[in-house]
N, C-alpha and C. Protein backbone atom coordinates (compact mmCIF):
# COMPACT_ATOMS: atom_id res chain seq x y z
N MET A 1 99.44 119.30 136.72
CA MET A 1 98.22 120.04 135.98
C MET A 1 97.92 119.58 134.99
N ILE A 2 98.65 119.27 134.29
CA ILE A 2 98.40 118.85 132.62
C ILE A 2 97.38 117.54 132.82
N ALA A 3 97.67 116.51 134.04
CA ALA A 3 96.93 115.92 133.97
C ALA A 3 95.44 115.67 134.58
N LEU A 4 95.36 116.78 135.32
CA LEU A 4 94.09 117.37 135.62
C LEU A 4 93.11 118.07 134.59
N ALA A 5 94.05 118.80 133.60
CA ALA A 5 93.56 119.33 132.43
C ALA A 5 93.18 117.96 131.43
N VAL A 6 93.84 117.27 131.06
CA VAL A 6 93.42 116.14 130.53
C VAL A 6 92.40 115.04 130.80
N GLY A 7 92.32 115.20 132.22
CA GLY A 7 91.35 114.28 132.83
C GLY A 7 89.92 115.03 132.46
N THR A 8 89.96 116.11 132.42
CA THR A 8 88.89 117.07 132.64
C THR A 8 88.23 117.36 131.24
N LEU A 9 89.24 117.56 130.08
CA LEU A 9 88.88 117.45 128.72
C LEU A 9 88.34 115.93 128.46
N ALA A 10 88.97 115.01 128.72
CA ALA A 10 88.32 113.58 128.48
C ALA A 10 86.69 113.46 129.18
N LEU A 11 86.54 113.92 130.37
CA LEU A 11 85.18 113.94 131.13
C LEU A 11 84.20 114.51 130.23
N ARG A 12 84.83 116.00 129.72
CA ARG A 12 83.72 116.64 128.93
C ARG A 12 83.36 115.99 127.65
N LEU A 13 84.46 115.59 127.04
CA LEU A 13 84.08 114.52 125.52
C LEU A 13 83.41 113.64 125.55
N VAL A 14 83.76 112.71 126.98
CA VAL A 14 82.81 111.70 127.10
C VAL A 14 81.68 111.71 127.48
N GLY A 15 81.34 112.52 128.10
CA GLY A 15 79.94 112.64 128.93
C GLY A 15 78.63 112.78 128.25
N PRO A 16 79.08 113.73 126.89
CA PRO A 16 77.63 113.59 126.02
C PRO A 16 77.43 112.58 125.08
N ALA A 17 78.62 111.51 124.97
CA ALA A 17 78.78 110.18 124.22
C ALA A 17 77.92 109.28 125.30
N LEU A 18 78.17 109.40 126.40
CA LEU A 18 77.53 108.11 127.15
C LEU A 18 76.26 108.79 127.98
N ARG A 19 75.88 110.04 128.01
CA ARG A 19 74.70 110.34 128.35
C ARG A 19 73.35 109.49 127.90
N SER A 20 73.44 109.04 126.58
CA SER A 20 72.48 108.09 125.98
C SER A 20 72.50 106.99 126.45
N ARG A 21 73.35 106.36 126.97
CA ARG A 21 74.07 104.89 126.94
C ARG A 21 73.76 104.83 128.49
N VAL A 22 73.79 105.57 129.17
CA VAL A 22 74.15 105.34 130.68
C VAL A 22 72.87 105.64 131.25
N THR A 23 71.91 105.21 132.16
CA THR A 23 70.96 105.90 132.69
C THR A 23 71.01 105.97 134.44
N LEU A 24 70.84 107.09 134.88
CA LEU A 24 70.91 107.33 136.44
C LEU A 24 69.43 106.93 137.28
N SER A 25 70.06 106.34 138.38
CA SER A 25 68.79 106.10 139.24
C SER A 25 67.99 107.52 139.57
N PRO A 26 66.77 107.69 139.99
CA PRO A 26 66.33 109.11 140.25
C PRO A 26 66.97 109.43 141.56
N ARG A 27 67.49 108.48 142.51
CA ARG A 27 68.09 108.85 143.74
C ARG A 27 69.53 109.71 143.27
N VAL A 28 70.03 109.04 142.47
CA VAL A 28 71.56 109.34 142.24
C VAL A 28 71.22 110.87 141.82
N GLU A 29 70.14 111.19 140.79
CA GLU A 29 69.85 112.40 140.00
C GLU A 29 69.45 113.52 141.23
N HIS A 30 68.69 113.22 141.94
CA HIS A 30 68.60 113.84 143.05
C HIS A 30 69.63 114.35 144.02
N LEU A 31 70.41 113.32 144.15
CA LEU A 31 71.54 113.79 145.07
C LEU A 31 72.47 114.50 144.31
N SER A 32 72.60 114.22 142.92
CA SER A 32 73.51 114.90 141.97
C SER A 32 73.08 116.52 142.20
N SER A 33 71.69 116.84 142.02
CA SER A 33 71.50 118.21 141.99
C SER A 33 71.49 118.65 143.50
N MET A 34 71.19 118.07 144.37
CA MET A 34 71.37 118.67 145.60
C MET A 34 72.81 118.77 146.09
N SER A 35 73.90 118.05 145.61
CA SER A 35 75.31 118.12 145.88
C SER A 35 75.33 119.83 145.09
N VAL A 36 75.02 119.66 144.01
CA VAL A 36 75.38 121.25 143.35
C VAL A 36 74.59 122.43 144.27
N ALA A 37 73.81 122.31 144.65
CA ALA A 37 73.20 123.30 145.85
C ALA A 37 73.84 123.74 146.79
N VAL A 38 74.34 122.42 147.64
CA VAL A 38 75.19 122.48 149.06
C VAL A 38 76.49 123.28 148.37
N ILE A 39 77.18 122.98 147.32
CA ILE A 39 78.22 123.29 147.05
C ILE A 39 78.26 124.85 146.95
N PHE A 40 77.29 125.49 146.08
CA PHE A 40 76.99 126.77 145.72
C PHE A 40 76.86 127.64 147.11
N VAL A 41 76.06 126.90 147.97
CA VAL A 41 75.46 127.56 149.31
C VAL A 41 76.94 127.69 150.24
N ALA A 42 77.82 126.67 149.94
CA ALA A 42 79.22 126.96 150.87
C ALA A 42 79.89 128.01 150.28
N LEU A 43 80.09 128.06 149.06
CA LEU A 43 81.01 129.06 148.20
C LEU A 43 80.41 130.32 148.67
N ILE A 44 79.09 130.30 148.71
CA ILE A 44 78.37 131.73 149.14
C ILE A 44 78.76 132.23 150.52
N ALA A 45 78.44 131.36 151.43
CA ALA A 45 78.89 131.83 153.06
C ALA A 45 80.29 131.84 153.03
N THR A 46 81.17 131.28 152.40
CA THR A 46 82.62 131.29 152.56
C THR A 46 82.82 132.85 151.96
N SER A 47 82.01 133.07 151.21
CA SER A 47 82.66 134.52 150.34
C SER A 47 81.74 135.37 151.18
N ALA A 48 80.82 135.25 151.93
CA ALA A 48 80.14 136.27 152.18
C ALA A 48 80.66 136.54 154.05
N LEU A 49 81.26 135.47 154.46
CA LEU A 49 81.80 135.72 155.82
C LEU A 49 82.87 135.72 156.19
N VAL A 50 83.83 135.31 155.05
CA VAL A 50 85.37 135.33 155.34
C VAL A 50 86.03 136.67 154.62
N VAL A 51 86.86 137.38 154.89
CA VAL A 51 87.63 138.36 153.95
C VAL A 51 89.14 138.48 154.65
N ASP A 52 89.97 138.11 153.94
CA ASP A 52 91.46 137.87 154.77
C ASP A 52 91.39 137.09 155.91
N ARG A 53 90.79 136.09 155.87
CA ARG A 53 90.84 135.09 156.75
C ARG A 53 90.43 135.48 158.16
N GLY A 54 89.68 136.85 157.97
CA GLY A 54 88.91 137.33 159.48
C GLY A 54 87.15 137.37 158.99
N PHE A 55 86.63 137.80 160.25
CA PHE A 55 85.17 137.87 159.95
C PHE A 55 84.99 139.07 158.98
N ALA A 56 83.95 138.98 157.84
CA ALA A 56 83.71 140.17 157.23
C ALA A 56 83.06 141.20 157.85
N GLY A 57 82.27 141.00 158.67
CA GLY A 57 81.70 142.14 159.15
C GLY A 57 80.19 141.69 159.02
N PHE A 58 79.38 142.65 159.58
CA PHE A 58 77.80 142.20 159.24
C PHE A 58 77.21 142.88 158.13
N ALA A 59 77.90 143.76 157.56
CA ALA A 59 77.22 144.50 156.43
C ALA A 59 77.30 143.54 155.02
N LEU A 60 78.35 142.61 154.68
CA LEU A 60 78.36 141.92 153.67
C LEU A 60 77.59 140.95 153.73
N PRO A 61 77.43 139.72 154.75
CA PRO A 61 76.37 139.02 155.17
C PRO A 61 75.01 139.39 154.90
N ALA A 62 74.87 140.67 155.50
CA ALA A 62 73.42 141.44 155.38
C ALA A 62 73.01 141.46 153.78
N GLY A 63 74.17 142.02 153.09
CA GLY A 63 73.54 142.22 151.63
C GLY A 63 73.19 141.14 151.07
N VAL A 64 74.06 139.83 151.32
CA VAL A 64 73.93 138.71 150.91
C VAL A 64 72.36 137.98 151.09
N ALA A 65 72.02 138.33 152.59
CA ALA A 65 70.79 137.88 152.91
C ALA A 65 69.67 138.80 151.99
N VAL A 66 70.20 139.91 152.15
CA VAL A 66 68.81 140.76 151.23
C VAL A 66 68.92 139.88 149.78
N ALA A 67 70.05 139.82 149.35
CA ALA A 67 70.18 139.27 147.86
C ALA A 67 69.15 137.67 147.55
N ALA A 68 69.66 136.98 148.91
CA ALA A 68 68.73 135.55 148.76
C ALA A 68 67.40 135.78 148.89
N ILE A 69 66.89 136.42 149.84
CA ILE A 69 65.57 136.94 150.04
C ILE A 69 64.66 137.61 148.64
N LEU A 70 65.64 138.27 148.08
CA LEU A 70 64.78 138.69 146.51
C LEU A 70 64.90 137.72 145.49
N ALA A 71 66.13 136.87 145.64
CA ALA A 71 66.24 135.74 144.52
C ALA A 71 64.99 134.80 145.08
N TRP A 72 64.85 134.29 146.21
CA TRP A 72 63.84 133.38 146.41
C TRP A 72 62.16 134.14 146.17
N ARG A 73 62.20 135.30 146.17
CA ARG A 73 61.13 135.84 145.72
C ARG A 73 60.78 136.19 144.34
N ARG A 74 62.08 135.80 143.57
CA ARG A 74 61.94 135.99 142.07
C ARG A 74 62.11 137.10 141.71
N ALA A 75 62.67 137.89 142.13
CA ALA A 75 62.78 139.38 141.70
C ALA A 75 63.80 139.47 140.65
N PRO A 76 63.63 140.30 139.74
CA PRO A 76 64.77 140.26 138.91
C PRO A 76 65.97 140.35 139.26
N PHE A 77 67.01 140.02 138.29
CA PHE A 77 68.49 139.88 138.63
C PHE A 77 68.98 141.10 138.99
N VAL A 78 69.03 142.20 138.01
CA VAL A 78 69.21 143.48 138.37
C VAL A 78 68.92 144.08 139.59
N ALA A 79 67.64 143.95 140.04
CA ALA A 79 67.15 144.36 141.36
C ALA A 79 67.99 143.53 142.66
N VAL A 80 68.01 142.47 142.36
CA VAL A 80 68.58 141.52 143.28
C VAL A 80 70.03 141.91 143.73
N VAL A 81 70.94 142.03 142.72
CA VAL A 81 72.41 142.83 142.74
C VAL A 81 72.12 144.02 143.23
N VAL A 82 71.31 144.97 142.70
CA VAL A 82 71.34 146.44 143.08
C VAL A 82 71.41 146.58 144.72
N ALA A 83 69.81 146.08 144.95
CA ALA A 83 69.60 146.01 146.33
C ALA A 83 70.70 145.27 147.58
N ALA A 84 71.31 144.48 147.03
CA ALA A 84 72.48 143.63 147.83
C ALA A 84 73.76 144.78 148.00
N ALA A 85 73.82 145.16 146.81
CA ALA A 85 75.07 146.33 146.84
C ALA A 85 74.46 147.66 147.94
N ALA A 86 73.30 147.99 147.49
CA ALA A 86 72.79 149.13 148.49
C ALA A 86 72.77 148.79 149.88
N THR A 87 72.23 147.78 150.11
CA THR A 87 72.37 147.52 151.55
C THR A 87 73.87 147.03 152.16
N THR A 88 74.71 146.52 151.52
CA THR A 88 76.17 146.95 151.90
C THR A 88 76.58 147.95 152.13
N SER A 89 76.58 148.58 151.22
CA SER A 89 76.91 150.33 151.07
C SER A 89 76.40 150.89 152.17
N VAL A 90 74.97 150.91 152.23
CA VAL A 90 74.63 151.75 153.42
C VAL A 90 75.12 151.38 154.83
N LEU A 91 75.07 150.05 155.01
CA LEU A 91 75.56 149.66 156.14
C LEU A 91 76.97 149.83 156.48
N ARG A 92 77.77 149.86 155.27
CA ARG A 92 78.94 150.22 155.52
C ARG A 92 79.04 151.79 155.70
N TYR A 93 78.22 152.52 155.37
CA TYR A 93 78.46 153.99 155.21
C TYR A 93 77.98 154.30 156.85
N VAL A 94 77.11 153.78 157.27
CA VAL A 94 76.63 154.13 158.72
C VAL A 94 77.67 153.58 159.89
N GLY A 95 78.45 152.59 159.38
CA GLY A 95 79.34 152.31 160.39
C GLY A 95 79.15 150.94 161.01
N VAL A 96 78.46 150.07 160.22
CA VAL A 96 78.17 148.79 160.48
C VAL A 96 79.20 148.13 159.59
N ALA A 97 80.36 147.35 160.25
CA ALA A 97 81.19 147.05 159.19
C ALA A 97 81.13 145.54 159.03
């Protein structure tokens, strides 16, 4: 744990110092930005589809889908969160787990 903490701190301190000295190819920059998106989507998928090692039901993924559509359409963040919560709540209220 201590080694990971020291390694993380070292990378955080050395990163800004090396940023001006090291240039990355456009392909590496593109791949790194795409990897961030892939990790983010994987995190969302596991959070939305799995609860207590089982399927989360259909209400939660539906709320996440509504949020994704609204975010894609560039709706305000508050509207995205409220719409996702409302969708999940209404579906759970009517019995769609």
